[in-house]
Amino acid sequence: MTTMPKKSATTDTLRGVNELAFPSDSGRALANAAEQWIATSTECHREMVGSVSMRLEKDSETFREIMSCRNLADMTAIQSRWMEETLRDYNSEMTKLMTIYTKSANAAGRTRG
């Protein structure tokens, strides 16, 4: 006659995994750090996607302007304006991303110290 054990081996395994995963405060700290990293990465990705979208719109508009130019001087002026705008936009985006990373690093420092 076969009898079923009162406790499942799977339950014991899962209980053991939880004890290994979070054996102490350091395990909890690691989980919190991973959560913070994911949140920061998500915020940065969202910011970058928005920035790329904005740049593609501006680039498309500039291309349309250049295609409608009748002389080289106008085309050169449009290209020059595009270059300045592009550099300004990329500089602004880097500042935003650095702000996000700095805010995250500062928050992580406050939770540890």
C-alpha atoms as a PDB file:
ATOM      1  CA  MET A   1       0.000   0.000   0.000  1.00  0.00           C
ATOM      2  CA  THR A   2       1.383   3.398  -1.042  1.00  0.00           C
ATOM      3  CA  THR A   3       0.897   6.377   1.204  1.00  0.00           C
ATOM      4  CA  MET A   4       1.255  10.023   0.282  1.00  0.00           C
ATOM      5  CA  PRO A   5       3.604  12.076   2.388  1.00  0.00           C
ATOM      6  CA  LYS A   6       1.907  14.762   4.449  1.00  0.00           C
ATOM      7  CA  LYS A   7       4.248  17.431   3.081  1.00  0.00           C
ATOM      8  CA  SER A   8       5.078  17.895  -0.556  1.00  0.00           C
ATOM      9  CA  ALA A   9       8.707  17.864  -1.653  1.00  0.00           C
ATOM     10  CA  THR A  10       7.906  20.911  -3.794  1.00  0.00           C
ATOM     11  CA  THR A  11       6.743  22.847  -0.747  1.00  0.00           C
ATOM     12  CA  ASP A  12       9.973  22.006   1.077  1.00  0.00           C
ATOM     13  CA  THR A  13      12.012  23.027  -1.958  1.00  0.00           C
ATOM     14  CA  LEU A  14      10.213  26.356  -2.301  1.00  0.00           C
ATOM     15  CA  ARG A  15      10.587  27.031   1.393  1.00  0.00           C
ATOM     16  CA  GLY A  16      14.307  26.301   1.072  1.00  0.00           C
ATOM     17  CA  VAL A  17      14.627  28.606  -1.945  1.00  0.00           C
ATOM     18  CA  ASN A  18      12.958  31.464  -0.056  1.00  0.00           C
ATOM     19  CA  GLU A  19      15.272  30.948   2.878  1.00  0.00           C
ATOM     20  CA  LEU A  20      18.289  30.978   0.528  1.00  0.00           C
ATOM     21  CA  ALA A  21      17.051  33.958  -1.455  1.00  0.00           C
ATOM     22  CA  PHE A  22      16.404  36.163   1.573  1.00  0.00           C
ATOM     23  CA  PRO A  23      18.396  34.655   4.447  1.00  0.00           C
ATOM     24  CA  SER A  24      18.951  38.010   6.107  1.00  0.00           C
ATOM     25  CA  ASP A  25      18.822  41.741   5.673  1.00  0.00           C
ATOM     26  CA  SER A  26      21.523  41.535   3.014  1.00  0.00           C
ATOM     27  CA  GLY A  27      19.262  39.401   0.806  1.00  0.00           C
ATOM     28  CA  ARG A  28      16.468  41.903   1.245  1.00  0.00           C
ATOM     29  CA  ALA A  29      18.883  44.736   0.417  1.00  0.00           C
ATOM     30  CA  LEU A  30      19.910  42.938  -2.766  1.00  0.00           C
ATOM     31  CA  ALA A  31      16.248  42.554  -3.792  1.00  0.00           C
ATOM     32  CA  ASN A  32      15.626  46.252  -3.071  1.00  0.00           C
ATOM     33  CA  ALA A  33      18.691  47.244  -5.101  1.00  0.00           C
ATOM     34  CA  ALA A  34      17.503  45.132  -8.040  1.00  0.00           C
ATOM     35  CA  GLU A  35      14.066  46.732  -7.823  1.00  0.00           C
ATOM     36  CA  GLN A  36      15.606  50.221  -7.788  1.00  0.00           C
ATOM     37  CA  TRP A  37      17.838  49.358 -10.751  1.00  0.00           C
ATOM     38  CA  ILE A  38      14.858  48.109 -12.777  1.00  0.00           C
ATOM     39  CA  ALA A  39      12.825  51.224 -11.939  1.00  0.00           C
ATOM     40  CA  THR A  40      15.709  53.514 -12.941  1.00  0.00           C
ATOM     41  CA  SER A  41      16.357  51.578 -16.157  1.00  0.00           C
ATOM     42  CA  THR A  42      12.679  51.784 -17.060  1.00  0.00           C
ATOM     43  CA  GLU A  43      12.616  55.540 -16.451  1.00  0.00           C
ATOM     44  CA  CYS A  44      15.743  56.003 -18.597  1.00  0.00           C
ATOM     45  CA  HIS A  45      14.369  53.874 -21.415  1.00  0.00           C
ATOM     46  CA  ARG A  46      11.119  55.828 -21.373  1.00  0.00           C
ATOM     47  CA  GLU A  47      13.068  59.089 -21.528  1.00  0.00           C
ATOM     48  CA  MET A  48      15.261  57.864 -24.400  1.00  0.00           C
ATOM     49  CA  VAL A  49      12.289  56.619 -26.441  1.00  0.00           C
ATOM     50  CA  GLY A  50      10.613  60.011 -26.020  1.00  0.00           C
ATOM     51  CA  SER A  51      13.791  61.771 -27.067  1.00  0.00           C
ATOM     52  CA  VAL A  52      14.302  59.614 -30.156  1.00  0.00           C
ATOM     53  CA  SER A  53      10.686  60.174 -31.143  1.00  0.00           C
ATOM     54  CA  MET A  54      11.075  63.947 -30.797  1.00  0.00           C
ATOM     55  CA  ARG A  55      14.329  63.928 -32.810  1.00  0.00           C
ATOM     56  CA  LEU A  56      12.760  61.859 -35.596  1.00  0.00           C
ATOM     57  CA  GLU A  57       9.920  64.384 -35.868  1.00  0.00           C
ATOM     58  CA  LYS A  58      12.377  67.285 -36.051  1.00  0.00           C
ATOM     59  CA  ASP A  59      14.590  65.448 -38.546  1.00  0.00           C
ATOM     60  CA  SER A  60      11.581  64.707 -40.754  1.00  0.00           C
ATOM     61  CA  GLU A  61      10.515  68.338 -40.700  1.00  0.00           C
ATOM     62  CA  THR A  62      14.043  69.469 -41.556  1.00  0.00           C
ATOM     63  CA  PHE A  63      14.192  66.995 -44.438  1.00  0.00           C
ATOM     64  CA  ARG A  64      10.900  68.349 -45.795  1.00  0.00           C
ATOM     65  CA  GLU A  65      12.256  71.909 -45.541  1.00  0.00           C
ATOM     66  CA  ILE A  66      15.450  70.966 -47.367  1.00  0.00           C
ATOM     67  CA  MET A  67      13.482  69.216 -50.112  1.00  0.00           C
ATOM     68  CA  SER A  68      11.513  72.408 -50.737  1.00  0.00           C
ATOM     69  CA  CYS A  69      14.600  74.640 -50.948  1.00  0.00           C
ATOM     70  CA  ARG A  70      15.196  76.486 -54.209  1.00  0.00           C
ATOM     71  CA  ASN A  71      18.786  77.550 -53.557  1.00  0.00           C
ATOM     72  CA  LEU A  72      21.963  76.404 -51.813  1.00  0.00           C
ATOM     73  CA  ALA A  73      22.022  79.278 -49.301  1.00  0.00           C
ATOM     74  CA  ASP A  74      18.622  78.343 -47.864  1.00  0.00           C
ATOM     75  CA  MET A  75      19.596  74.694 -47.684  1.00  0.00           C
ATOM     76  CA  THR A  76      22.830  75.539 -45.881  1.00  0.00           C
ATOM     77  CA  ALA A  77      20.974  77.726 -43.364  1.00  0.00           C
ATOM     78  CA  ILE A  78      18.485  74.930 -42.656  1.00  0.00           C
ATOM     79  CA  GLN A  79      21.266  72.396 -42.251  1.00  0.00           C
ATOM     80  CA  SER A  80      23.147  74.705 -39.887  1.00  0.00           C
ATOM     81  CA  ARG A  81      20.027  75.258 -37.783  1.00  0.00           C
ATOM     82  CA  TRP A  82      19.401  71.501 -37.732  1.00  0.00           C
ATOM     83  CA  MET A  83      22.949  70.825 -36.519  1.00  0.00           C
ATOM     84  CA  GLU A  84      22.674  73.358 -33.682  1.00  0.00           C
ATOM     85  CA  GLU A  85      19.255  72.042 -32.639  1.00  0.00           C
ATOM     86  CA  THR A  86      20.430  68.441 -32.744  1.00  0.00           C
ATOM     87  CA  LEU A  87      23.455  69.148 -30.552  1.00  0.00           C
ATOM     88  CA  ARG A  88      21.294  71.121 -28.104  1.00  0.00           C
ATOM     89  CA  ASP A  89      18.719  68.302 -27.955  1.00  0.00           C
ATOM     90  CA  TYR A  90      21.337  65.599 -27.359  1.00  0.00           C
ATOM     91  CA  ASN A  91      23.005  67.713 -24.667  1.00  0.00           C
ATOM     92  CA  SER A  92      19.636  68.231 -22.998  1.00  0.00           C
ATOM     93  CA  GLU A  93      18.892  64.513 -23.155  1.00  0.00           C
ATOM     94  CA  MET A  94      22.216  63.612 -21.554  1.00  0.00           C
ATOM     95  CA  THR A  95      21.484  66.090 -18.758  1.00  0.00           C
ATOM     96  CA  LYS A  96      18.074  64.484 -18.173  1.00  0.00           C
ATOM     97  CA  LEU A  97      19.563  60.983 -18.097  1.00  0.00           C
ATOM     98  CA  MET A  98      22.323  62.039 -15.700  1.00  0.00           C
ATOM     99  CA  THR A  99      19.674  63.604 -13.445  1.00  0.00           C
ATOM    100  CA  ILE A 100      17.739  60.322 -13.382  1.00  0.00           C
ATOM    101  CA  TYR A 101      20.875  58.316 -12.547  1.00  0.00           C
ATOM    102  CA  THR A 102      21.999  60.816  -9.908  1.00  0.00           C
ATOM    103  CA  LYS A 103      18.570  60.811  -8.269  1.00  0.00           C
ATOM    104  CA  SER A 104      18.644  57.009  -8.186  1.00  0.00           C
ATOM    105  CA  ALA A 105      22.161  56.881  -6.754  1.00  0.00           C
ATOM    106  CA  ASN A 106      21.267  59.443  -4.084  1.00  0.00           C
ATOM    107  CA  ALA A 107      18.138  57.473  -3.130  1.00  0.00           C
ATOM    108  CA  ALA A 108      20.185  54.284  -2.881  1.00  0.00           C
ATOM    109  CA  GLY A 109      22.718  56.048  -0.661  1.00  0.00           C
ATOM    110  CA  ARG A 110      19.997  57.278   1.694  1.00  0.00           C
ATOM    111  CA  THR A 111      18.523  53.792   2.105  1.00  0.00           C
ATOM    112  CA  ARG A 112      21.907  52.264   2.907  1.00  0.00           C
ATOM    113  CA  GLY A 113      23.262  54.902   5.216  1.00  0.00           C
END
